[in-house]
Amino acid sequence: MNDPVQKIIVLGGGSAGFLAAITMKKRMPNLQVLVIHSSKIPIIGVGEGSTFTMPQYLHGYLGLNPAVFHEMVKPTYKLGIRFLWGPRDRFHYTFKAQLDARLSNMPKANGFYCMDDFRYAELNASLMEHDKAFERQGDGGPLVNTDVAYHLENVPFVQFLERAAVEVGVEIEDDLVKGVEQDENGISKLHLESGKEETADLYIDCSGFRSELLGKALEEPFIDYSSSLYCDRAIAGGWGRTDEVLKPYTTAETMDAGWAWQIEHDHIINRGYVYSSSFLSDDEAEEEFLRKNPKVEDPRLIKFGSGAYERSWVKNVVALGNSSGFVEPLEATSLAVICEHSAKLVQTLADSDLRIHSTGRKYYNRATKVTWDAIRRFLAMHYKFNTRIETPFWKACQEDTDLAGAEEIIEYYETSGPGLMWANYAMGQNDPFGWEGYLVMMVGQKVSHQEDYTVSSEEDAVWKQYQESMKQRAENAFSMREALDMIRSDGWQWKPDFYPNASPWGA
């Protein structure tokens, strides 16, 4: 396969398909990019959270106008996740360093001073503690940085992406694939419901859970994560917002056989319960969900399996999004993985002058496997150490969860506490969550460790003074509603270089 790729077919629309198509066309404008998707397949209309890399990717790497995005999609901002998890009343996971940092006048990393209380270990966590969104700038406006994420409603988001795809020159066909032909290079032809036939040099499979090309046609083996992640169902619903505070974070709340999310939108509060059908029937799960969330309207059941295909790129097919793998949305990894892998794919093609080489394929697959393995082990830790309630589900999680490679990380923490020296060696290279992520979940869940450090009275005074300064800054900040009103106003101007024109992953 030494001829350069000239045409790419993206099978499937949705966020994965259109993000992939826009990435290919924006970064390599001479490529012909065709999206084949069907209006007969509905968009899953759930609320969606992201990580801080998502706005950077959309508006920096892809150059999609943030003003148009805010007008069409009306996102709200997400500073992190509030965990109602473990023995603490709550703790906050943000996209900035809380514990994996050290004040210049302190001898130890912040984590050593947060074992009892780290509500004010960092500004964004402090803002979350007070349901505030952004600090006030000198000009009176909100100080928006690139270390925050979005909450999105999926339907307007996909509509925005489809419009952006058309504007950059992506072709779109509304059709269904009814048959697939193969040869020694992979997929050779797609037969469509309309009677048309389409061919390409490279196929990007974004057909969702169906995985039409990678899973069904090429029969790539699927790696099941159920020994680490027991949940296989979700009940999703929501209600119209009335006088509820518009919160600047996703909430993840411990439930009897799993956990519930809450995602904040302008006029809707999106709520869902992720659970294990081995411990709770669908009817029992719905009863618990509605009992704790009586405002929920039209709850609907979603079935899923956690896992990933052994390889994401096989022959001339690359799978992205749910076609490549899926894990529950506990850390909002879905959109981040789509963006990261799209960027790595387009750079792999650019480096090989658009030729498909076995070497590029090998290292792309190695990189995507690192991502999926890291997500699996990180989420497994959420379950292994959550002692908030004692139910059969959570007892099984504590006793039997397969940490899937996180053992050395846990061993390092249990012997060294929230130290920093050898953390990168315990994690391995290119872990997407970093030592900060692991520290927040371990300190947040009060995982015990042997490093018995006594905080001096001088250190305690310095730390408390720092916390008080964080608290005061948060108390004086904008609420989410106040900030959004200003950001969406005609007077708000986005600086041209606000988002860097580079992939957050260095691709």
Protein backbone atom coordinates (compact mmCIF):
# COMPACT_ATOMS: atom_id res chain seq x y z
CA MET A 1 0.00 0.00 0.00
CA ASN A 2 2.61 2.53 -1.17
CA ASP A 3 0.32 4.85 -3.07
CA PRO A 4 -0.52 7.97 -1.04
CA VAL A 5 -3.97 8.26 0.47
CA GLN A 6 -6.13 10.55 -1.62
CA LYS A 7 -9.63 9.78 -0.34
CA ILE A 8 -10.87 8.98 3.16
CA ILE A 9 -14.33 7.71 4.00
CA VAL A 10 -15.56 8.32 7.53
CA LEU A 11 -18.36 5.88 8.32
CA GLY A 12 -20.72 7.45 10.83
CA GLY A 13 -21.49 10.99 11.89
CA GLY A 14 -21.93 11.93 15.50
CA SER A 15 -19.18 13.64 17.46
CA ALA A 16 -16.54 11.02 16.55
CA GLY A 17 -17.24 11.03 12.80
CA PHE A 18 -17.37 14.78 12.35
CA LEU A 19 -14.39 15.47 14.62
CA ALA A 20 -12.34 12.95 12.66
CA ALA A 21 -13.46 14.38 9.32
CA ILE A 22 -12.76 17.98 10.31
CA THR A 23 -9.34 16.99 11.64
CA MET A 24 -8.37 15.22 8.41
CA LYS A 25 -9.59 18.05 6.17
CA LYS A 26 -8.27 20.95 8.25
CA ARG A 27 -4.79 19.52 8.70
CA MET A 28 -4.51 18.06 5.16
CA PRO A 29 -6.76 20.19 2.92
CA ASN A 30 -5.90 18.33 -0.31
CA LEU A 31 -7.49 15.12 0.96
CA GLN A 32 -10.96 14.18 -0.23
CA VAL A 33 -12.95 13.42 2.92
CA LEU A 34 -16.42 11.89 2.71
CA VAL A 35 -18.69 11.26 5.72
CA ILE A 36 -21.36 8.61 5.22
CA HIS A 37 -23.98 8.71 7.95
CA SER A 38 -27.68 8.06 8.19
CA SER A 39 -30.37 10.33 9.55
CA LYS A 40 -32.25 7.09 10.35
CA ILE A 41 -29.77 6.44 13.17
CA PRO A 42 -30.64 8.92 15.93
CA ILE A 43 -28.09 10.87 17.94
CA ILE A 44 -27.96 9.71 21.55
CA GLY A 45 -29.25 12.87 23.19
CA VAL A 46 -27.44 12.79 26.52
CA GLY A 47 -25.50 15.48 28.24
CA GLU A 48 -21.79 15.13 27.83
CA GLY A 49 -18.82 16.30 29.82
CA SER A 50 -15.32 16.84 28.48
CA THR A 51 -11.82 17.49 29.74
CA PHE A 52 -9.85 20.71 29.40
CA THR A 53 -8.16 19.45 26.23
CA MET A 54 -11.47 19.57 24.33
CA PRO A 55 -11.78 23.39 24.01
CA GLN A 56 -8.08 23.58 23.15
CA TYR A 57 -8.53 21.02 20.41
CA LEU A 58 -11.69 22.56 18.96
CA HIS A 59 -10.64 26.19 18.94
CA GLY A 60 -6.85 25.91 18.79
CA TYR A 61 -5.84 22.84 16.83
CA LEU A 62 -8.92 22.87 14.57
CA GLY A 63 -9.44 26.63 14.64
CA LEU A 64 -13.22 26.46 15.08
CA ASN A 65 -14.58 29.85 16.11
CA PRO A 66 -15.42 29.90 19.85
CA ALA A 67 -17.96 32.70 19.38
CA VAL A 68 -19.95 30.66 16.83
CA PHE A 69 -19.58 27.59 19.03
CA HIS A 70 -21.03 29.40 22.05
CA GLU A 71 -23.87 30.79 19.96
CA MET A 72 -24.88 27.42 18.48
CA VAL A 73 -24.05 24.94 21.24
CA LYS A 74 -24.42 27.10 24.34
CA PRO A 75 -21.99 25.08 26.43
CA THR A 76 -21.56 25.59 30.13
CA TYR A 77 -18.16 25.42 31.75
CA LYS A 78 -16.78 22.54 33.76
CA LEU A 79 -13.97 23.16 36.23
CA GLY A 80 -13.81 19.51 37.24
CA ILE A 81 -15.74 16.73 38.97
CA ARG A 82 -17.31 16.83 42.41
CA PHE A 83 -16.99 13.33 43.84
CA LEU A 84 -19.51 12.18 46.44
CA TRP A 85 -17.25 9.21 46.87
CA GLY A 86 -15.29 7.57 49.65
CA PRO A 87 -15.43 8.58 53.34
CA ARG A 88 -15.19 12.35 52.80
CA ASP A 89 -18.32 14.46 52.44
CA ARG A 90 -16.98 15.42 48.99
CA PHE A 91 -13.77 16.16 47.12
CA HIS A 92 -12.96 17.87 43.86
CA TYR A 93 -11.03 16.62 40.85
CA THR A 94 -9.86 19.55 38.73
CA PHE A 95 -7.67 19.99 35.65
CA LYS A 96 -4.96 21.82 37.60
CA ALA A 97 -2.39 20.60 40.11
CA GLN A 98 -3.78 20.45 43.64
CA LEU A 99 -1.71 17.72 45.26
CA ASP A 100 1.04 17.14 42.69
CA ALA A 101 2.54 20.53 43.53
CA ARG A 102 4.49 22.20 46.31
CA LEU A 103 4.30 25.71 47.70
CA SER A 104 7.69 27.42 47.40
CA ASN A 105 7.97 27.95 51.16
CA MET A 106 6.94 24.44 52.18
CA PRO A 107 9.18 21.35 52.51
CA LYS A 108 6.64 18.78 51.33
CA ALA A 109 4.26 18.37 48.42
CA ASN A 110 0.74 19.75 48.92
CA GLY A 111 -0.67 16.26 49.28
CA PHE A 112 0.89 15.89 52.74
CA TYR A 113 -1.14 18.86 54.00
CA CYS A 114 -4.45 17.66 52.53
CA MET A 115 -5.08 14.37 54.26
CA ASP A 116 -7.81 15.88 56.43
CA ASP A 117 -9.05 18.70 54.19
CA PHE A 118 -8.13 19.80 50.69
CA ARG A 119 -11.14 21.90 49.73
CA TYR A 120 -8.87 24.88 49.11
CA ALA A 121 -5.72 23.27 47.72
CA GLU A 122 -6.08 25.05 44.35
CA LEU A 123 -8.19 27.85 42.91
CA ASN A 124 -10.52 25.85 40.68
CA ALA A 125 -11.30 23.43 43.52
CA SER A 126 -12.01 26.44 45.74
CA LEU A 127 -14.35 27.88 43.11
CA MET A 128 -16.16 24.54 42.92
CA GLU A 129 -16.53 24.49 46.69
CA HIS A 130 -18.54 27.72 46.44
CA ASP A 131 -20.36 26.90 43.16
CA LYS A 132 -18.47 29.72 41.44
CA ALA A 133 -17.04 29.67 37.93
CA PHE A 134 -14.39 32.34 37.26
CA GLU A 135 -12.44 35.02 39.07
CA ARG A 136 -13.03 38.68 38.28
CA GLN A 137 -10.55 40.45 36.03
CA GLY A 138 -9.43 44.03 36.49
CA ASP A 139 -11.89 45.12 33.79
CA GLY A 140 -14.77 43.51 35.66
CA GLY A 141 -15.15 40.52 33.37
CA PRO A 142 -14.64 36.81 34.11
CA LEU A 143 -11.10 35.46 33.93
CA VAL A 144 -11.54 32.52 31.54
CA ASN A 145 -8.48 30.30 31.16
CA THR A 146 -7.71 27.22 29.07
CA ASP A 147 -7.70 24.89 32.09
CA VAL A 148 -11.47 24.36 32.06
CA ALA A 149 -13.73 22.06 30.05
CA TYR A 150 -17.24 22.09 28.59
CA HIS A 151 -20.58 20.57 29.40
CA LEU A 152 -22.38 19.94 26.12
CA GLU A 153 -25.77 18.85 24.91
CA ASN A 154 -24.96 16.24 22.30
CA VAL A 155 -27.53 17.18 19.63
CA PRO A 156 -26.53 20.86 19.13
CA PHE A 157 -22.87 19.88 19.42
CA VAL A 158 -23.15 17.41 16.53
CA GLN A 159 -25.11 19.98 14.52
CA PHE A 160 -22.30 22.47 15.04
CA LEU A 161 -19.68 19.92 13.97
CA GLU A 162 -21.64 18.98 10.85
CA ARG A 163 -21.87 22.62 9.83
CA ALA A 164 -18.14 23.10 10.48
CA ALA A 165 -17.35 20.00 8.42
CA VAL A 166 -19.25 21.36 5.43
CA GLU A 167 -17.53 24.74 5.77
CA VAL A 168 -14.05 23.17 5.58
CA GLY A 169 -14.92 21.09 2.52
CA VAL A 170 -15.96 17.71 3.91
CA GLU A 171 -18.49 15.90 1.70
CA ILE A 172 -21.50 14.32 3.44
CA GLU A 173 -23.84 11.57 2.24
CA ASP A 174 -26.99 10.52 4.06
CA ASP A 175 -26.98 6.77 3.50
CA LEU A 176 -26.61 3.38 5.15
CA VAL A 177 -23.97 0.72 4.52
CA LYS A 178 -25.64 -2.56 3.49
CA GLY A 179 -22.59 -4.56 2.47
CA VAL A 180 -18.79 -4.54 2.57
CA GLU A 181 -16.21 -5.99 0.16
CA GLN A 182 -12.67 -6.84 1.23
CA ASP A 183 -9.30 -7.61 -0.33
CA GLU A 184 -5.78 -8.15 0.98
CA ASN A 185 -5.49 -4.47 1.95
CA GLY A 186 -8.70 -4.41 4.01
CA ILE A 187 -11.95 -2.80 2.90
CA SER A 188 -12.23 -2.41 -0.87
CA LYS A 189 -15.82 -1.23 -1.36
CA LEU A 190 -18.93 -0.15 0.54
CA HIS A 191 -22.40 -0.99 -0.81
CA LEU A 192 -24.97 1.58 0.27
CA GLU A 193 -28.72 1.32 0.78
CA SER A 194 -29.30 3.86 -2.00
CA GLY A 195 -27.63 1.51 -4.48
CA LYS A 196 -24.43 3.55 -4.68
CA GLU A 197 -20.97 2.10 -4.14
CA GLU A 198 -18.16 4.01 -2.49
CA THR A 199 -14.44 3.30 -2.30
CA ALA A 200 -11.57 5.00 -0.51
CA ASP A 201 -7.90 4.54 0.32
CA LEU A 202 -8.51 4.76 4.06
CA TYR A 203 -11.68 4.11 6.06
CA ILE A 204 -12.31 5.65 9.48
CA ASP A 205 -14.88 3.61 11.37
CA CYS A 206 -17.03 5.88 13.55
CA SER A 207 -20.11 3.66 13.47
CA GLY A 208 -20.37 3.54 17.26
CA PHE A 209 -20.99 0.35 19.21
CA ARG A 210 -21.76 -1.47 15.94
CA SER A 211 -18.11 -1.13 14.83
CA GLU A 212 -19.18 -2.05 11.30
CA LEU A 213 -15.71 -2.17 9.75
CA LEU A 214 -13.19 -2.93 12.50
CA GLY A 215 -15.36 -5.25 14.59
CA LYS A 216 -17.82 -6.83 12.18
CA ALA A 217 -16.00 -6.87 8.84
CA LEU A 218 -12.37 -7.32 9.96
CA GLU A 219 -13.30 -9.26 13.12
CA GLU A 220 -10.69 -7.63 15.31
CA PRO A 221 -10.67 -9.21 18.82
CA PHE A 222 -12.37 -7.22 21.57
CA ILE A 223 -10.73 -6.96 25.01
CA ASP A 224 -13.36 -7.14 27.74
CA TYR A 225 -12.79 -4.88 30.79
CA SER A 226 -15.54 -6.38 32.96
CA SER A 227 -13.07 -7.77 35.51
CA SER A 228 -12.14 -4.16 36.30
CA LEU A 229 -15.35 -2.30 35.49
CA TYR A 230 -18.50 -4.15 36.54
CA CYS A 231 -21.08 -1.65 35.30
CA ASP A 232 -22.92 -2.50 32.07
CA ARG A 233 -26.12 -0.42 32.19
CA ALA A 234 -27.15 3.20 32.48
CA ILE A 235 -30.50 4.87 33.06
CA ALA A 236 -30.45 8.41 31.70
CA GLY A 237 -32.93 11.21 32.15
CA GLY A 238 -33.22 14.79 33.31
CA TRP A 239 -35.52 17.67 34.04
CA GLY A 240 -36.01 21.30 33.18
CA ARG A 241 -34.01 23.70 35.32
CA THR A 242 -36.01 25.96 37.63
CA ASP A 243 -34.25 27.69 40.53
CA GLU A 244 -31.34 25.22 40.87
CA VAL A 245 -27.83 26.67 40.99
CA LEU A 246 -25.98 26.25 37.69
CA LYS A 247 -22.94 24.38 38.95
CA PRO A 248 -19.48 24.60 37.33
CA TYR A 249 -18.74 20.89 37.61
CA THR A 250 -19.97 17.38 36.91
CA THR A 251 -21.20 15.51 39.97
CA ALA A 252 -20.34 11.82 40.42
CA GLU A 253 -22.37 10.34 43.26
CA THR A 254 -22.03 6.87 44.79
CA MET A 255 -25.16 4.72 44.35
CA ASP A 256 -26.09 1.22 45.58
CA ALA A 257 -24.66 -0.64 42.57
CA GLY A 258 -22.68 2.02 40.73
CA TRP A 259 -22.79 5.78 40.50
CA ALA A 260 -24.88 8.67 39.19
CA TRP A 261 -23.76 11.61 37.08
CA GLN A 262 -25.19 15.11 37.01
CA ILE A 263 -24.31 17.41 34.13
CA GLU A 264 -25.33 21.06 34.15
CA HIS A 265 -26.85 22.76 31.10
CA ASP A 266 -28.58 26.12 30.71
CA HIS A 267 -32.13 24.89 30.85
CA ILE A 268 -31.73 21.18 31.57
CA ILE A 269 -30.16 19.15 34.36
CA ASN A 270 -28.99 15.84 32.92
CA ARG A 271 -28.87 12.91 35.32
CA GLY A 272 -27.95 9.26 34.88
CA TYR A 273 -27.27 6.11 36.88
CA VAL A 274 -24.48 3.77 35.75
CA TYR A 275 -24.87 0.36 37.40
CA SER A 276 -24.11 -3.35 37.22
CA SER A 277 -26.94 -5.66 36.14
CA SER A 278 -25.22 -8.47 38.06
CA PHE A 279 -26.10 -6.71 41.32
CA LEU A 280 -29.28 -4.81 40.47
CA SER A 281 -32.14 -5.50 38.08
CA ASP A 282 -33.19 -2.80 35.64
CA ASP A 283 -36.42 -2.25 37.56
CA GLU A 284 -34.57 -1.98 40.88
CA ALA A 285 -32.08 0.46 39.38
CA GLU A 286 -34.85 2.65 37.98
CA GLU A 287 -36.66 2.61 41.33
CA GLU A 288 -33.51 3.75 43.17
CA PHE A 289 -32.75 6.36 40.53
CA LEU A 290 -36.23 7.89 40.60
CA ARG A 291 -36.47 7.72 44.37
CA LYS A 292 -33.31 9.81 44.70
CA ASN A 293 -34.15 12.01 41.67
CA PRO A 294 -37.93 12.46 41.62
CA LYS A 295 -37.80 15.25 39.03
CA VAL A 296 -36.36 12.99 36.31
CA GLU A 297 -38.55 12.78 33.20
CA ASP A 298 -38.64 9.95 30.64
CA PRO A 299 -35.84 7.73 31.96
CA ARG A 300 -34.35 5.48 29.28
CA LEU A 301 -32.18 2.40 29.51
CA ILE A 302 -28.78 2.15 27.80
CA LYS A 303 -26.86 -1.14 27.65
CA PHE A 304 -23.11 -1.21 27.07
CA GLY A 305 -19.99 -3.25 27.53
CA SER A 306 -16.67 -1.83 28.70
CA GLY A 307 -13.62 -2.70 26.67
CA ALA A 308 -11.55 -1.91 23.60
CA TYR A 309 -10.48 -3.65 20.44
CA GLU A 310 -7.01 -5.15 20.52
CA ARG A 311 -5.93 -2.83 17.69
CA SER A 312 -7.59 0.36 16.49
CA TRP A 313 -5.88 0.41 13.07
CA VAL A 314 -6.07 -2.78 11.01
CA LYS A 315 -5.10 -2.78 7.33
CA ASN A 316 -6.84 0.29 5.83
CA VAL A 317 -9.37 0.76 8.64
CA VAL A 318 -8.96 3.00 11.69
CA ALA A 319 -11.67 2.97 14.36
CA LEU A 320 -12.37 6.06 16.47
CA GLY A 321 -14.82 6.65 19.28
CA ASN A 322 -17.11 3.85 20.39
CA SER A 323 -16.09 1.79 17.33
CA SER A 324 -12.66 1.50 18.94
CA GLY A 325 -13.62 1.08 22.57
CA PHE A 326 -15.92 2.29 25.31
CA VAL A 327 -15.77 2.83 29.05
CA GLU A 328 -18.37 4.41 31.26
CA PRO A 329 -18.23 8.25 31.47
CA LEU A 330 -16.80 8.39 35.00
CA GLU A 331 -13.90 10.66 33.97
CA ALA A 332 -15.42 12.09 30.75
CA THR A 333 -12.73 10.47 28.61
CA SER A 334 -14.77 9.84 25.45
CA LEU A 335 -14.33 13.16 23.60
CA ALA A 336 -10.73 13.49 24.76
CA VAL A 337 -9.86 10.06 23.33
CA ILE A 338 -11.53 10.90 19.99
CA CYS A 339 -9.56 14.12 19.71
CA GLU A 340 -6.26 12.61 20.84
CA HIS A 341 -6.46 9.66 18.47
CA SER A 342 -7.62 11.81 15.55
CA ALA A 343 -4.61 14.07 16.06
CA LYS A 344 -2.24 11.10 16.25
CA LEU A 345 -3.74 9.60 13.11
CA VAL A 346 -3.45 12.73 11.02
CA GLN A 347 0.14 13.29 12.16
CA THR A 348 1.03 9.66 11.37
CA LEU A 349 -0.28 10.17 7.83
CA ALA A 350 1.53 13.48 7.49
CA ASP A 351 4.82 11.94 8.61
CA SER A 352 4.52 9.16 6.00
CA ASP A 353 3.51 11.53 3.18
CA LEU A 354 0.01 10.05 3.27
CA ARG A 355 1.20 6.50 2.76
CA ILE A 356 -0.07 3.68 4.97
CA HIS A 357 2.98 1.95 6.43
CA SER A 358 3.09 -0.96 8.84
CA THR A 359 5.47 0.98 11.13
CA GLY A 360 3.08 3.92 11.53
CA ARG A 361 0.22 1.52 12.11
CA LYS A 362 2.22 -0.37 14.77
CA TYR A 363 3.08 2.69 16.81
CA TYR A 364 -0.37 4.21 16.43
CA ASN A 365 -1.82 1.00 17.84
CA ARG A 366 0.73 1.01 20.62
CA ALA A 367 -0.19 4.58 21.53
CA THR A 368 -3.93 3.93 21.52
CA LYS A 369 -3.43 0.82 23.64
CA VAL A 370 -1.53 2.91 26.20
CA THR A 371 -4.53 5.24 26.36
CA TRP A 372 -7.11 2.50 26.82
CA ASP A 373 -4.99 0.62 29.37
CA ALA A 374 -4.46 3.80 31.39
CA ILE A 375 -8.17 4.62 31.40
CA ARG A 376 -9.04 1.10 32.51
CA ARG A 377 -6.66 1.05 35.45
CA PHE A 378 -7.50 4.61 36.51
CA LEU A 379 -11.24 3.91 36.60
CA ALA A 380 -10.63 0.60 38.38
CA MET A 381 -9.04 2.56 41.24
CA HIS A 382 -12.23 4.57 41.64
CA TYR A 383 -14.05 1.35 42.45
CA LYS A 384 -11.38 -0.49 44.43
CA PHE A 385 -11.12 2.15 47.17
CA ASN A 386 -14.61 3.62 47.42
CA THR A 387 -15.76 2.81 50.97
CA ARG A 388 -18.64 5.30 51.10
CA ILE A 389 -21.40 2.70 51.45
CA GLU A 390 -21.43 -1.03 52.17
CA THR A 391 -23.56 -2.86 49.61
CA PRO A 392 -22.85 -6.19 47.86
CA PHE A 393 -21.69 -4.28 44.77
CA TRP A 394 -19.19 -2.10 46.59
CA LYS A 395 -17.92 -4.98 48.72
CA ALA A 396 -17.23 -6.92 45.53
CA CYS A 397 -15.45 -3.93 44.05
CA GLN A 398 -13.22 -3.58 47.10
CA GLU A 399 -12.38 -7.29 47.20
CA ASP A 400 -12.20 -8.35 43.55
CA THR A 401 -11.60 -5.39 41.22
CA ASP A 402 -8.81 -6.13 38.74
CA LEU A 403 -6.50 -3.11 38.94
CA ALA A 404 -5.19 -4.01 35.47
CA GLY A 405 -1.72 -2.57 35.87
CA ALA A 406 -2.25 -0.01 38.64
CA GLU A 407 -0.60 -2.23 41.25
CA GLU A 408 2.76 -0.46 41.17
CA ILE A 409 1.07 2.92 41.43
CA ILE A 410 -0.81 1.77 44.52
CA GLU A 411 2.31 0.21 46.00
CA TYR A 412 4.26 3.44 45.55
CA TYR A 413 1.51 5.50 47.17
CA GLU A 414 1.01 3.07 50.05
CA THR A 415 4.72 3.22 50.92
CA SER A 416 5.57 6.83 50.00
CA GLY A 417 2.29 8.67 50.42
CA PRO A 418 1.69 11.70 48.19
CA GLY A 419 5.39 12.07 47.42
CA LEU A 420 6.56 13.11 43.98
CA MET A 421 10.04 11.64 43.46
CA TRP A 422 9.35 8.32 41.67
CA ALA A 423 5.73 8.76 40.63
CA ASN A 424 6.46 8.94 36.90
CA TYR A 425 8.34 5.67 37.07
CA ALA A 426 5.49 3.99 38.94
CA MET A 427 2.95 5.18 36.34
CA GLY A 428 5.02 4.69 33.23
CA GLN A 429 5.26 7.15 30.37
CA ASN A 430 2.38 9.00 28.71
CA ASP A 431 -0.25 8.36 31.34
CA PRO A 432 -3.09 10.78 30.47
CA PHE A 433 -4.12 11.35 34.08
CA GLY A 434 -0.73 12.04 35.56
CA TRP A 435 0.27 11.68 39.18
CA GLU A 436 -2.17 14.45 40.05
CA GLY A 437 -5.11 12.34 38.92
CA TYR A 438 -4.05 9.33 40.96
CA LEU A 439 -3.29 11.47 44.01
CA VAL A 440 -6.70 13.14 43.96
CA MET A 441 -8.46 9.78 43.86
CA MET A 442 -6.28 8.20 46.56
CA VAL A 443 -6.15 11.16 48.93
CA GLY A 444 -9.78 11.89 48.16
CA GLN A 445 -10.77 8.36 49.16
CA LYS A 446 -8.40 8.41 52.15
CA VAL A 447 -6.35 5.45 50.98
CA SER A 448 -3.91 4.76 53.81
CA HIS A 449 -0.14 4.98 53.42
CA GLN A 450 2.94 4.31 55.57
CA GLU A 451 4.64 7.69 55.22
CA ASP A 452 3.82 9.08 58.66
CA TYR A 453 4.67 12.76 58.31
CA THR A 454 4.02 15.16 61.19
CA VAL A 455 3.12 18.63 60.01
CA SER A 456 4.85 21.31 62.09
CA SER A 457 2.94 24.24 63.55
CA GLU A 458 4.79 26.58 61.18
CA GLU A 459 3.78 24.52 58.13
CA ASP A 460 0.21 24.30 59.39
CA ALA A 461 0.03 28.09 59.71
CA VAL A 462 1.39 28.62 56.20
CA TRP A 463 -1.03 26.09 54.73
CA LYS A 464 -4.05 27.58 56.50
CA GLN A 465 -3.09 31.05 55.32
CA TYR A 466 -2.87 29.74 51.76
CA GLN A 467 -6.27 28.04 52.07
CA GLU A 468 -7.84 31.23 53.38
CA SER A 469 -6.52 33.19 50.40
CA MET A 470 -8.01 30.60 48.02
CA LYS A 471 -11.32 30.78 49.87
CA GLN A 472 -11.50 34.58 49.65
CA ARG A 473 -10.74 34.56 45.92
CA ALA A 474 -13.49 32.00 45.36
CA GLU A 475 -16.07 33.87 47.42
CA ASN A 476 -15.54 36.99 45.29
CA ALA A 477 -15.80 35.17 41.96
CA PHE A 478 -18.54 35.05 39.30
CA SER A 479 -21.31 32.50 39.38
CA MET A 480 -21.68 30.38 36.26
CA ARG A 481 -24.81 32.27 35.18
CA GLU A 482 -23.14 35.66 35.61
CA ALA A 483 -20.09 34.53 33.66
CA LEU A 484 -22.08 32.98 30.81
CA ASP A 485 -24.20 36.10 30.39
CA MET A 486 -21.03 38.12 29.81
CA ILE A 487 -19.26 35.53 27.63
CA ARG A 488 -22.31 35.24 25.35
CA SER A 489 -22.90 38.99 25.10
CA ASP A 490 -22.12 41.07 22.01
CA GLY A 491 -19.40 42.90 23.91
CA TRP A 492 -17.32 39.77 24.57
CA GLN A 493 -14.32 39.34 22.27
CA TRP A 494 -12.20 36.22 21.97
CA LYS A 495 -8.52 36.98 21.45
CA PRO A 496 -7.24 35.39 18.20
CA ASP A 497 -4.42 33.59 20.04
CA PHE A 498 -6.43 32.64 23.14
CA TYR A 499 -6.28 28.94 22.21
CA PRO A 500 -2.86 27.71 20.99
CA ASN A 501 -2.74 26.38 17.43
CA ALA A 502 -1.28 23.04 18.46
CA SER A 503 -2.54 19.66 19.57
CA PRO A 504 -2.74 19.34 23.37
CA TRP A 505 -0.93 16.00 22.95
CA GLY A 506 1.95 17.34 20.88
CA ALA A 507 0.93 15.43 17.76
